[in-house]
């Protein structure tokens, strides 16, 4: 485990996260004061009841992994690969695997007392990669369990999750304010009074933990390169620049039919593989121009590749040749079909 070094920035992260968690407690305290110490005033009682409801809405909930998960019984060969990568990283073995239809992958830890780890793999990204690149993908994600990123910890990560939830619950609807009655306008004013301090503290927390989260991404790349090989990681990152081609290829299947199952992913990957030199050069040039942004969860891909090029090449600790990737594809096929249906259904609705 890479323990984060104590700095003023890290202390600031925990202070701001603590303030965010104190907001529901402060509202609850005010509600109790109104209900019990101002009980002779009917409006105070009404206000106290409203504040109790607001406390219930805002009280932080433990994050959950709601996606359908799979384990050793359903995907033994894939879990054997995950075990090998986790062992090479000295990282926790995920409690479950899940999949989606996005060109992405992620690792997350849920629970405040009982910590559980999950790995989520986007089917199109997995199919885009060669086996050793797939090893690198798993290694990068599992490295997030040991790279000391405060945003993925229970306290700071929980505060960031709470801000997202409060923003979703409290942000007023973006319809015409002139069409509301007086009660609606008062309710919207109360919503803004509640959400603005939350958003302000949330933005400050993002700024305070930005450098550490970016450092954690580079560290995850470095750890993954040691496990899967620098070449596999760099070539996989280079392919990420071409993913807009895969997204556009979906529209070749119009009119959309959810019964196409995983065929949609074959179309997406085929479009990338058949891209012209001009298309590749244009997208790679655009990726090279990308700059770091505070609102981005990852550093620019070109920065990550430049960092990896500074590392000494070494033999991978986990080699794809030691695993049966045809069997892994067979284990994933049913879930790939289900995710293909989900993706087609999404476009069908749109």
Protein backbone atom coordinates (compact mmCIF):
# COMPACT_ATOMS: atom_id res chain seq x y z
CA UNK A 1 0.00 0.00 0.00
CA UNK A 2 1.37 3.39 -1.03
CA UNK A 3 0.56 5.55 1.98
CA UNK A 4 -0.01 9.23 1.06
CA UNK A 5 2.51 11.62 2.59
CA UNK A 6 0.99 14.03 5.13
CA UNK A 7 0.88 17.55 3.65
CA UNK A 8 -1.24 20.65 4.15
CA UNK A 9 -3.18 19.68 1.04
CA UNK A 10 -4.04 16.24 2.42
CA UNK A 11 -5.01 17.73 5.79
CA UNK A 12 -7.19 20.21 3.90
CA UNK A 13 -8.89 17.31 2.09
CA UNK A 14 -9.88 15.70 5.37
CA UNK A 15 -10.97 19.00 6.93
CA UNK A 16 -13.24 19.85 3.98
CA UNK A 17 -14.58 16.29 3.85
CA UNK A 18 -15.35 16.57 7.57
CA UNK A 19 -17.19 19.84 7.02
CA UNK A 20 -19.30 18.21 4.32
CA UNK A 21 -20.24 15.38 6.67
CA UNK A 22 -21.08 17.95 9.37
CA UNK A 23 -23.68 19.71 7.21
CA UNK A 24 -26.47 17.17 7.92
CA UNK A 25 -25.49 17.17 11.60
CA UNK A 26 -25.73 20.97 11.77
CA UNK A 27 -29.14 20.95 10.09
CA UNK A 28 -30.31 18.23 12.48
CA UNK A 29 -29.10 20.27 15.45
CA UNK A 30 -31.01 23.31 14.22
CA UNK A 31 -34.13 21.18 13.74
CA UNK A 32 -33.94 19.88 17.30
CA UNK A 33 -33.45 23.42 18.64
CA UNK A 34 -36.53 24.64 16.78
CA UNK A 35 -38.68 21.69 17.86
CA UNK A 36 -37.76 21.60 21.54
CA UNK A 37 -36.60 25.10 22.45
CA UNK A 38 -38.95 27.07 20.23
CA UNK A 39 -41.94 24.76 20.54
CA UNK A 40 -44.29 27.60 21.45
CA UNK A 41 -43.98 28.94 17.89
CA UNK A 42 -45.99 27.07 15.26
CA UNK A 43 -43.72 28.28 12.45
CA UNK A 44 -40.67 27.09 14.37
CA UNK A 45 -42.22 23.63 14.71
CA UNK A 46 -43.02 23.58 10.99
CA UNK A 47 -39.48 24.70 10.19
CA UNK A 48 -38.04 22.04 12.48
CA UNK A 49 -40.03 19.31 10.74
CA UNK A 50 -38.84 20.54 7.36
CA UNK A 51 -35.24 20.52 8.59
CA UNK A 52 -35.67 16.98 9.91
CA UNK A 53 -36.80 15.92 6.44
CA UNK A 54 -33.82 17.71 4.89
CA UNK A 55 -31.51 15.91 7.34
CA UNK A 56 -32.99 12.58 6.26
CA UNK A 57 -32.42 13.46 2.61
CA UNK A 58 -28.83 14.63 3.13
CA UNK A 59 -27.58 12.06 5.61
CA UNK A 60 -24.70 10.18 3.91
CA UNK A 61 -25.50 6.65 2.79
CA UNK A 62 -22.84 3.96 2.45
CA UNK A 63 -21.93 3.60 -1.20
CA UNK A 64 -23.07 0.36 -2.83
CA UNK A 65 -22.04 -1.56 -5.89
CA UNK A 66 -25.38 -2.01 -7.58
CA UNK A 67 -24.19 -3.75 -10.75
CA UNK A 68 -24.68 -7.46 -11.39
CA UNK A 69 -21.51 -9.18 -10.15
CA UNK A 70 -19.76 -12.42 -11.01
CA UNK A 71 -17.20 -14.53 -9.20
CA UNK A 72 -15.24 -17.75 -9.41
CA UNK A 73 -18.24 -19.97 -10.02
CA UNK A 74 -19.30 -18.09 -13.16
CA UNK A 75 -15.89 -16.98 -14.51
CA UNK A 76 -13.13 -19.20 -13.06
CA UNK A 77 -10.49 -18.49 -15.74
CA UNK A 78 -10.99 -14.73 -15.65
CA UNK A 79 -10.82 -14.81 -11.84
CA UNK A 80 -7.62 -16.87 -12.07
CA UNK A 81 -6.12 -14.04 -14.12
CA UNK A 82 -7.40 -11.42 -11.66
CA UNK A 83 -5.93 -13.43 -8.77
CA UNK A 84 -2.54 -13.52 -10.46
CA UNK A 85 -2.54 -9.77 -11.10
CA UNK A 86 -3.69 -8.98 -7.55
CA UNK A 87 -0.96 -11.23 -6.14
CA UNK A 88 1.70 -9.51 -8.28
CA UNK A 89 0.51 -6.10 -7.01
CA UNK A 90 0.00 -7.27 -3.42
CA UNK A 91 -3.50 -5.84 -3.85
CA UNK A 92 -6.86 -7.07 -2.52
CA UNK A 93 -8.62 -9.55 -4.76
CA UNK A 94 -11.95 -8.07 -5.94
CA UNK A 95 -15.03 -9.44 -4.24
CA UNK A 96 -16.81 -9.43 -7.57
CA UNK A 97 -16.55 -8.56 -11.27
CA UNK A 98 -19.09 -6.57 -13.23
CA UNK A 99 -19.39 -5.39 -16.81
CA UNK A 100 -20.95 -2.56 -18.77
CA UNK A 101 -21.26 -1.34 -22.37
CA UNK A 102 -18.87 1.62 -22.10
CA UNK A 103 -15.30 1.95 -23.37
CA UNK A 104 -14.01 2.15 -19.86
CA UNK A 105 -12.95 0.19 -16.78
CA UNK A 106 -12.96 1.06 -13.11
CA UNK A 107 -12.20 -0.24 -9.64
CA UNK A 108 -14.05 0.87 -6.55
CA UNK A 109 -14.20 0.16 -2.85
CA UNK A 110 -17.54 0.35 -1.07
CA UNK A 111 -18.54 0.18 2.57
CA UNK A 112 -17.31 2.12 5.60
CA UNK A 113 -16.92 -0.79 8.03
CA UNK A 114 -16.86 -3.86 5.81
CA UNK A 115 -14.71 -2.82 2.88
CA UNK A 116 -15.52 -4.61 -0.38
CA UNK A 117 -13.65 -4.24 -3.66
CA UNK A 118 -15.11 -4.49 -7.15
CA UNK A 119 -13.67 -4.47 -10.66
CA UNK A 120 -15.84 -3.28 -13.55
CA UNK A 121 -14.84 -3.88 -17.17
CA UNK A 122 -16.34 -2.27 -20.23
CA UNK A 123 -16.96 -5.02 -22.79
CA UNK A 124 -15.96 -2.94 -25.85
CA UNK A 125 -12.68 -1.86 -24.24
CA UNK A 126 -11.89 -5.44 -23.27
CA UNK A 127 -12.56 -6.65 -26.81
CA UNK A 128 -10.52 -3.84 -28.30
CA UNK A 129 -7.40 -5.01 -26.45
CA UNK A 130 -5.05 -7.90 -27.14
CA UNK A 131 -4.54 -10.39 -24.26
CA UNK A 132 -1.43 -8.74 -22.78
CA UNK A 133 -3.16 -5.35 -23.00
CA UNK A 134 -6.08 -6.92 -21.13
CA UNK A 135 -3.65 -7.99 -18.40
CA UNK A 136 -2.40 -4.38 -18.26
CA UNK A 137 -5.98 -3.08 -18.02
CA UNK A 138 -6.72 -5.27 -15.01
CA UNK A 139 -3.38 -4.37 -13.44
CA UNK A 140 -4.01 -0.63 -13.75
CA UNK A 141 -7.44 -0.89 -12.16
CA UNK A 142 -6.36 -3.17 -9.30
CA UNK A 143 -3.41 -0.85 -8.63
CA UNK A 144 -5.99 1.73 -7.51
CA UNK A 145 -6.53 -0.42 -4.42
CA UNK A 146 -2.92 0.17 -3.32
CA UNK A 147 -1.86 3.52 -4.80
CA UNK A 148 -2.90 5.73 -1.86
CA UNK A 149 -5.46 7.84 -3.72
CA UNK A 150 -7.46 9.74 -1.05
CA UNK A 151 -10.40 10.12 -3.45
CA UNK A 152 -10.85 6.34 -3.37
CA UNK A 153 -10.65 6.13 0.41
CA UNK A 154 -13.70 5.78 2.59
CA UNK A 155 -13.64 9.28 4.09
CA UNK A 156 -12.68 11.63 1.23
CA UNK A 157 -14.24 9.36 -1.37
CA UNK A 158 -17.42 9.17 0.70
CA UNK A 159 -17.56 12.97 0.87
CA UNK A 160 -17.19 13.26 -2.92
CA UNK A 161 -19.92 10.66 -3.36
CA UNK A 162 -22.16 12.59 -0.96
CA UNK A 163 -21.68 15.83 -2.94
CA UNK A 164 -22.73 14.06 -6.14
CA UNK A 165 -25.81 12.65 -4.43
CA UNK A 166 -26.78 15.98 -2.86
CA UNK A 167 -26.35 17.76 -6.19
CA UNK A 168 -28.68 15.25 -7.81
CA UNK A 169 -31.29 15.53 -5.05
CA UNK A 170 -31.21 19.29 -4.43
CA UNK A 171 -30.45 20.99 -7.73
CA UNK A 172 -33.65 22.77 -8.89
CA UNK A 173 -35.21 21.75 -12.18
CA UNK A 174 -34.00 23.76 -15.13
CA UNK A 175 -37.46 24.71 -16.38
CA UNK A 176 -38.87 28.23 -16.77
CA UNK A 177 -38.81 29.96 -13.33
CA UNK A 178 -41.51 32.38 -14.47
CA UNK A 179 -43.92 29.47 -14.75
CA UNK A 180 -43.74 28.64 -11.04
CA UNK A 181 -46.12 29.80 -8.34
CA UNK A 182 -44.94 31.51 -5.14
CA UNK A 183 -44.54 28.24 -3.25
CA UNK A 184 -42.42 26.81 -6.06
CA UNK A 185 -40.19 29.87 -6.13
CA UNK A 186 -39.68 29.74 -2.36
CA UNK A 187 -38.87 26.03 -2.58
CA UNK A 188 -36.32 26.70 -5.32
CA UNK A 189 -34.72 29.45 -3.24
CA UNK A 190 -34.38 27.03 -0.31
CA UNK A 191 -32.85 24.44 -2.65
CA UNK A 192 -30.22 26.91 -3.83
CA UNK A 193 -29.48 28.03 -0.27
CA UNK A 194 -28.81 24.41 0.64
CA UNK A 195 -26.88 23.35 -2.42
CA UNK A 196 -24.56 26.31 -2.97
CA UNK A 197 -22.46 25.73 0.21
CA UNK A 198 -22.32 22.02 -0.64
CA UNK A 199 -21.16 22.69 -4.20
CA UNK A 200 -18.63 25.23 -2.98
CA UNK A 201 -17.10 22.80 -0.47
CA UNK A 202 -17.26 20.00 -3.02
CA UNK A 203 -15.38 22.10 -5.57
CA UNK A 204 -12.77 22.96 -2.95
CA UNK A 205 -12.36 19.28 -2.11
CA UNK A 206 -11.84 18.43 -5.79
CA UNK A 207 -9.16 21.11 -6.04
CA UNK A 208 -7.39 19.97 -2.87
CA UNK A 209 -7.23 16.32 -3.87
CA UNK A 210 -6.56 16.91 -7.58
CA UNK A 211 -2.77 16.63 -7.47
CA UNK A 212 -2.87 13.52 -5.33
CA UNK A 213 -5.45 11.81 -7.54
CA UNK A 214 -3.40 12.63 -10.64
CA UNK A 215 -0.29 11.27 -8.90
CA UNK A 216 -2.25 8.14 -8.04
CA UNK A 217 -3.08 7.60 -11.73
CA UNK A 218 0.58 7.81 -12.70
CA UNK A 219 1.44 5.45 -9.86
CA UNK A 220 -1.24 3.00 -11.03
CA UNK A 221 0.30 3.12 -14.52
CA UNK A 222 3.77 2.50 -13.09
CA UNK A 223 2.61 -0.46 -11.02
CA UNK A 224 0.67 -1.89 -13.97
CA UNK A 225 3.72 -1.57 -16.22
CA UNK A 226 5.75 -3.65 -13.75
CA UNK A 227 3.08 -6.35 -13.74
CA UNK A 228 1.99 -6.45 -17.39
CA UNK A 229 4.92 -4.84 -19.19
CA UNK A 230 5.40 -1.25 -20.27
CA UNK A 231 4.73 -2.02 -23.94
CA UNK A 232 1.30 -3.49 -23.30
CA UNK A 233 0.25 -0.50 -21.23
CA UNK A 234 1.56 2.09 -23.74
CA UNK A 235 -0.04 0.36 -26.72
CA UNK A 236 -3.31 0.10 -24.83
CA UNK A 237 -3.24 3.82 -24.03
CA UNK A 238 -2.52 4.59 -27.68
CA UNK A 239 -5.65 2.69 -28.67
CA UNK A 240 -7.74 4.88 -26.36
CA UNK A 241 -7.20 7.79 -28.75
CA UNK A 242 -9.11 5.84 -31.42
CA UNK A 243 -12.21 5.11 -29.36
CA UNK A 244 -14.28 7.93 -30.98
CA UNK A 245 -14.25 5.75 -34.10
CA UNK A 246 -15.87 2.94 -32.10
CA UNK A 247 -18.56 5.26 -30.73
CA UNK A 248 -19.44 6.52 -34.21
CA UNK A 249 -19.62 2.98 -35.59
CA UNK A 250 -22.71 2.24 -33.49
CA UNK A 251 -24.78 4.34 -35.87
CA UNK A 252 -24.00 1.87 -38.67
CA UNK A 253 -26.52 -0.41 -36.97
CA UNK A 254 -29.45 1.99 -37.34
CA UNK A 255 -32.36 1.21 -37.02
CA UNK A 256 -31.29 -0.07 -33.64
CA UNK A 257 -32.37 -3.54 -32.59
CA UNK A 258 -31.55 -4.82 -29.13
CA UNK A 259 -31.51 -8.42 -30.45
CA UNK A 260 -28.15 -7.73 -32.08
CA UNK A 261 -26.56 -8.66 -28.73
CA UNK A 262 -22.75 -8.51 -28.62
CA UNK A 263 -22.57 -7.95 -32.39
CA UNK A 264 -22.58 -4.23 -31.67
CA UNK A 265 -19.18 -4.58 -29.99
CA UNK A 266 -17.79 -6.48 -32.98
CA UNK A 267 -18.90 -3.59 -35.21
CA UNK A 268 -17.27 -1.05 -32.88
CA UNK A 269 -13.97 -2.92 -32.70
CA UNK A 270 -13.97 -3.62 -36.43
CA UNK A 271 -14.29 0.10 -37.13
CA UNK A 272 -11.19 0.82 -35.04
CA UNK A 273 -9.20 -1.99 -36.63
CA UNK A 274 -10.14 -0.80 -40.14
CA UNK A 275 -9.51 2.89 -39.47
CA UNK A 276 -7.47 4.65 -42.15
CA UNK A 277 -4.04 6.10 -41.49
CA UNK A 278 -5.54 9.58 -41.82
CA UNK A 279 -8.20 8.87 -39.17
CA UNK A 280 -5.62 7.45 -36.80
CA UNK A 281 -3.23 10.35 -37.31
CA UNK A 282 -5.98 12.93 -36.74
CA UNK A 283 -7.23 11.36 -33.51
CA UNK A 284 -3.72 10.76 -32.16
CA UNK A 285 -2.85 14.40 -32.88
CA UNK A 286 -5.98 15.54 -31.02
CA UNK A 287 -5.08 13.33 -28.06
CA UNK A 288 -1.56 14.78 -28.01
CA UNK A 289 -3.01 18.30 -27.68
CA UNK A 290 -5.14 17.43 -24.64
CA UNK A 291 -4.25 19.43 -21.55
CA UNK A 292 -4.68 18.61 -17.88
CA UNK A 293 -8.02 19.71 -16.41
CA UNK A 294 -9.08 19.90 -12.79
CA UNK A 295 -12.43 18.31 -13.64
CA UNK A 296 -10.76 15.32 -15.34
CA UNK A 297 -10.31 12.11 -13.36
CA UNK A 298 -7.24 11.07 -15.39
CA UNK A 299 -4.19 12.94 -16.68
CA UNK A 300 -4.08 13.40 -20.47
CA UNK A 301 -3.22 10.14 -22.22
CA UNK A 302 -0.15 11.70 -23.85
CA UNK A 303 1.18 12.67 -20.40
CA UNK A 304 0.69 9.11 -19.14
CA UNK A 305 2.49 7.67 -22.16
CA UNK A 306 5.40 10.10 -21.70
CA UNK A 307 5.65 9.06 -18.05
CA UNK A 308 5.75 5.37 -18.98
CA UNK A 309 8.45 5.99 -21.57
CA UNK A 310 10.70 7.15 -18.71
CA UNK A 311 10.48 3.73 -17.07
CA UNK A 312 13.01 1.02 -17.75
CA UNK A 313 11.42 -1.82 -19.73
CA UNK A 314 11.14 -5.07 -17.80
CA UNK A 315 9.66 -8.51 -18.32
CA UNK A 316 6.01 -8.72 -17.25
CA UNK A 317 5.29 -10.54 -14.01
CA UNK A 318 1.95 -11.80 -15.38
CA UNK A 319 2.00 -13.15 -18.94
CA UNK A 320 -1.08 -13.61 -21.09
CA UNK A 321 0.32 -16.84 -22.50
CA UNK A 322 -0.27 -18.50 -19.13
CA UNK A 323 -4.05 -18.05 -19.39
CA UNK A 324 -6.74 -19.29 -21.76
CA UNK A 325 -8.21 -16.11 -23.23
CA UNK A 326 -10.54 -18.06 -25.52
CA UNK A 327 -12.06 -19.59 -22.40
CA UNK A 328 -12.29 -16.14 -20.81
CA UNK A 329 -14.14 -14.87 -23.90
CA UNK A 330 -16.52 -17.83 -23.62
CA UNK A 331 -17.14 -17.10 -19.92
CA UNK A 332 -17.93 -13.46 -20.75
CA UNK A 333 -20.11 -14.12 -23.81
CA UNK A 334 -23.50 -14.20 -22.09
CA UNK A 335 -22.77 -10.97 -20.24
CA UNK A 336 -21.41 -9.39 -23.44
CA UNK A 337 -24.73 -10.20 -25.14
CA UNK A 338 -26.64 -8.66 -22.24
CA UNK A 339 -24.56 -5.48 -22.35
CA UNK A 340 -25.00 -5.31 -26.12
CA UNK A 341 -28.77 -5.41 -25.60
CA UNK A 342 -28.50 -2.62 -23.03
CA UNK A 343 -26.49 -0.45 -25.40
CA UNK A 344 -28.94 -1.00 -28.26
CA UNK A 345 -31.88 -0.33 -25.97
CA UNK A 346 -30.28 2.95 -24.92
CA UNK A 347 -29.99 4.08 -28.55
CA UNK A 348 -33.43 2.73 -29.36
CA UNK A 349 -34.92 4.99 -26.67
CA UNK A 350 -32.99 8.01 -27.87
